[in-house]
Amino acid sequence: MAAGTPADSFVKGRPLNHVGILVDDLDAMERQVKAAGLHPFAHADYDPGRRFYVLDPDGIEFEIVSYA
């Protein structure tokens, strides 16, 4: 099967749920994510920080979080 086909896409929870990335400036990172053509979702403020999620073009979910 050719790379990039739906069967090659990541399935949530297999082999992992998501990748977490810690950043100092969440707002600046969200601007970069949007500039790259990706769509942030599930924004939340929680103790002890703030976060949003984004799917990369292969469907891998990333949690972008800041504790600043």
N, C-alpha and C. Protein backbone atom coordinates (compact mmCIF):
# COMPACT_ATOMS: atom_id res chain seq x y z
N MET A 1 0.84 -1.18 0.00
CA MET A 1 0.00 0.00 0.00
C MET A 1 0.89 1.24 0.00
N ALA A 2 0.54 2.24 -0.74
CA ALA A 2 1.35 3.46 -0.85
C ALA A 2 1.26 4.28 0.43
N ALA A 3 2.39 4.91 0.77
CA ALA A 3 2.41 5.78 1.95
C ALA A 3 1.41 6.90 1.77
N GLY A 4 0.81 7.31 2.87
CA GLY A 4 -0.12 8.42 2.83
C GLY A 4 -1.56 8.02 2.57
N THR A 5 -1.81 6.73 2.42
CA THR A 5 -3.18 6.28 2.22
C THR A 5 -3.88 6.20 3.57
N PRO A 6 -5.21 6.21 3.59
CA PRO A 6 -5.93 6.18 4.85
C PRO A 6 -5.52 5.02 5.77
N ALA A 7 -5.19 3.88 5.22
CA ALA A 7 -4.80 2.74 6.04
C ALA A 7 -3.49 3.01 6.77
N ASP A 8 -2.68 3.94 6.28
CA ASP A 8 -1.42 4.27 6.93
C ASP A 8 -1.59 5.32 8.02
N SER A 9 -2.79 5.89 8.14
CA SER A 9 -3.01 6.95 9.10
C SER A 9 -2.97 6.43 10.52
N PHE A 10 -2.62 7.31 11.41
CA PHE A 10 -2.57 7.01 12.83
C PHE A 10 -3.99 6.79 13.35
N VAL A 11 -4.17 5.80 14.20
CA VAL A 11 -5.44 5.54 14.85
C VAL A 11 -5.30 5.94 16.30
N LYS A 12 -6.15 6.88 16.79
CA LYS A 12 -6.05 7.38 18.16
C LYS A 12 -6.05 6.22 19.15
N GLY A 13 -5.07 6.27 20.04
CA GLY A 13 -4.95 5.23 21.05
C GLY A 13 -4.06 4.08 20.62
N ARG A 14 -3.69 4.01 19.35
CA ARG A 14 -2.79 2.96 18.88
C ARG A 14 -1.72 3.57 18.01
N PRO A 15 -0.49 3.55 18.32
CA PRO A 15 0.07 2.93 19.52
C PRO A 15 0.08 3.86 20.74
N LEU A 16 -0.38 5.10 20.58
CA LEU A 16 -0.40 6.03 21.71
C LEU A 16 -1.60 6.95 21.57
N ASN A 17 -1.92 7.64 22.66
CA ASN A 17 -3.09 8.54 22.64
C ASN A 17 -2.77 9.85 21.95
N HIS A 18 -1.72 10.54 22.43
CA HIS A 18 -1.28 11.78 21.80
C HIS A 18 0.12 12.11 22.26
N VAL A 19 0.73 13.08 21.60
CA VAL A 19 2.06 13.55 21.95
C VAL A 19 1.89 14.91 22.62
N GLY A 20 2.51 15.10 23.77
CA GLY A 20 2.44 16.37 24.47
C GLY A 20 3.68 17.20 24.20
N ILE A 21 3.47 18.50 23.95
CA ILE A 21 4.58 19.42 23.72
C ILE A 21 4.41 20.61 24.66
N LEU A 22 5.42 20.86 25.47
CA LEU A 22 5.41 21.97 26.40
C LEU A 22 6.04 23.19 25.75
N VAL A 23 5.34 24.33 25.78
CA VAL A 23 5.84 25.57 25.19
C VAL A 23 5.74 26.69 26.23
N ASP A 24 6.55 27.72 26.04
CA ASP A 24 6.50 28.87 26.93
C ASP A 24 5.36 29.82 26.57
N ASP A 25 5.08 29.99 25.29
CA ASP A 25 4.09 30.97 24.83
C ASP A 25 3.03 30.25 23.99
N LEU A 26 1.95 29.89 24.63
CA LEU A 26 0.90 29.12 23.96
C LEU A 26 0.25 29.91 22.82
N ASP A 27 0.04 31.20 23.03
CA ASP A 27 -0.59 32.02 21.99
C ASP A 27 0.28 32.11 20.74
N ALA A 28 1.57 32.29 20.93
CA ALA A 28 2.49 32.34 19.79
C ALA A 28 2.52 31.01 19.05
N MET A 29 2.50 29.91 19.80
CA MET A 29 2.50 28.59 19.16
C MET A 29 1.21 28.36 18.38
N GLU A 30 0.09 28.82 18.92
CA GLU A 30 -1.16 28.66 18.19
C GLU A 30 -1.13 29.44 16.88
N ARG A 31 -0.56 30.62 16.89
CA ARG A 31 -0.43 31.38 15.64
C ARG A 31 0.42 30.61 14.63
N GLN A 32 1.50 29.99 15.08
CA GLN A 32 2.36 29.21 14.18
C GLN A 32 1.61 28.00 13.62
N VAL A 33 0.86 27.33 14.49
CA VAL A 33 0.08 26.16 14.07
C VAL A 33 -0.93 26.57 12.99
N LYS A 34 -1.63 27.67 13.21
CA LYS A 34 -2.61 28.15 12.22
C LYS A 34 -1.92 28.57 10.92
N ALA A 35 -0.77 29.22 11.04
CA ALA A 35 -0.02 29.65 9.85
C ALA A 35 0.42 28.44 9.02
N ALA A 36 0.60 27.30 9.68
CA ALA A 36 0.99 26.08 8.98
C ALA A 36 -0.22 25.39 8.35
N GLY A 37 -1.42 25.97 8.53
CA GLY A 37 -2.62 25.39 7.93
C GLY A 37 -3.29 24.34 8.78
N LEU A 38 -2.90 24.21 10.04
CA LEU A 38 -3.51 23.24 10.94
C LEU A 38 -4.61 23.92 11.75
N HIS A 39 -5.48 23.12 12.37
CA HIS A 39 -6.66 23.65 13.03
C HIS A 39 -6.68 23.26 14.51
N PRO A 40 -6.31 24.18 15.39
CA PRO A 40 -6.34 23.90 16.82
C PRO A 40 -7.77 23.64 17.31
N PHE A 41 -7.90 22.78 18.33
CA PHE A 41 -9.22 22.50 18.90
C PHE A 41 -9.06 22.16 20.38
N ALA A 42 -10.17 22.03 21.07
CA ALA A 42 -10.22 21.63 22.48
C ALA A 42 -9.35 22.51 23.37
N HIS A 43 -9.49 23.81 23.21
CA HIS A 43 -8.76 24.75 24.07
C HIS A 43 -9.27 24.60 25.50
N ALA A 44 -8.36 24.71 26.47
CA ALA A 44 -8.79 24.62 27.86
C ALA A 44 -7.79 25.33 28.76
N ASP A 45 -8.33 25.98 29.76
CA ASP A 45 -7.53 26.50 30.87
C ASP A 45 -7.79 25.54 32.02
N TYR A 46 -6.75 25.07 32.66
CA TYR A 46 -6.91 24.13 33.76
C TYR A 46 -5.74 24.33 34.71
N ASP A 47 -5.87 23.82 35.90
CA ASP A 47 -4.80 23.93 36.87
C ASP A 47 -3.82 22.80 36.60
N PRO A 48 -2.62 23.06 36.16
CA PRO A 48 -1.83 24.27 36.34
C PRO A 48 -1.53 25.06 35.06
N GLY A 49 -2.26 24.87 33.97
CA GLY A 49 -1.85 25.56 32.75
C GLY A 49 -2.98 25.76 31.75
N ARG A 50 -2.58 25.94 30.50
CA ARG A 50 -3.49 26.11 29.36
C ARG A 50 -3.05 25.15 28.27
N ARG A 51 -4.00 24.77 27.40
CA ARG A 51 -3.65 23.83 26.33
C ARG A 51 -4.59 23.95 25.15
N PHE A 52 -4.14 23.37 24.05
CA PHE A 52 -5.02 23.09 22.92
C PHE A 52 -4.47 21.85 22.24
N TYR A 53 -5.26 21.27 21.37
CA TYR A 53 -4.86 20.09 20.62
C TYR A 53 -4.84 20.44 19.14
N VAL A 54 -4.09 19.65 18.39
CA VAL A 54 -4.03 19.81 16.95
C VAL A 54 -3.67 18.46 16.34
N LEU A 55 -4.22 18.18 15.16
CA LEU A 55 -3.86 16.98 14.42
C LEU A 55 -2.89 17.35 13.32
N ASP A 56 -1.83 16.57 13.17
CA ASP A 56 -0.91 16.83 12.06
C ASP A 56 -1.52 16.23 10.79
N PRO A 57 -0.89 16.44 9.63
CA PRO A 57 -1.47 15.93 8.37
C PRO A 57 -1.66 14.41 8.33
N ASP A 58 -0.95 13.67 9.19
CA ASP A 58 -1.12 12.22 9.25
C ASP A 58 -2.17 11.80 10.27
N GLY A 59 -2.77 12.78 10.96
CA GLY A 59 -3.80 12.46 11.93
C GLY A 59 -3.27 12.21 13.33
N ILE A 60 -1.99 12.44 13.57
CA ILE A 60 -1.43 12.27 14.91
C ILE A 60 -1.84 13.47 15.75
N GLU A 61 -2.36 13.18 16.94
CA GLU A 61 -2.84 14.25 17.82
C GLU A 61 -1.72 14.74 18.72
N PHE A 62 -1.61 16.08 18.79
CA PHE A 62 -0.62 16.73 19.65
C PHE A 62 -1.35 17.61 20.65
N GLU A 63 -0.95 17.52 21.91
CA GLU A 63 -1.41 18.44 22.94
C GLU A 63 -0.32 19.48 23.12
N ILE A 64 -0.66 20.73 22.90
CA ILE A 64 0.28 21.82 23.10
C ILE A 64 -0.10 22.48 24.42
N VAL A 65 0.83 22.53 25.36
CA VAL A 65 0.51 22.96 26.71
C VAL A 65 1.55 23.97 27.20
N SER A 66 1.08 24.90 28.03
CA SER A 66 1.96 25.87 28.67
C SER A 66 1.60 25.97 30.14
N TYR A 67 2.63 25.96 30.97
CA TYR A 67 2.44 26.15 32.40
C TYR A 67 2.92 27.52 32.84
N ALA A 68 3.19 28.40 31.85
CA ALA A 68 3.70 29.74 32.15
C ALA A 68 2.61 30.59 32.77
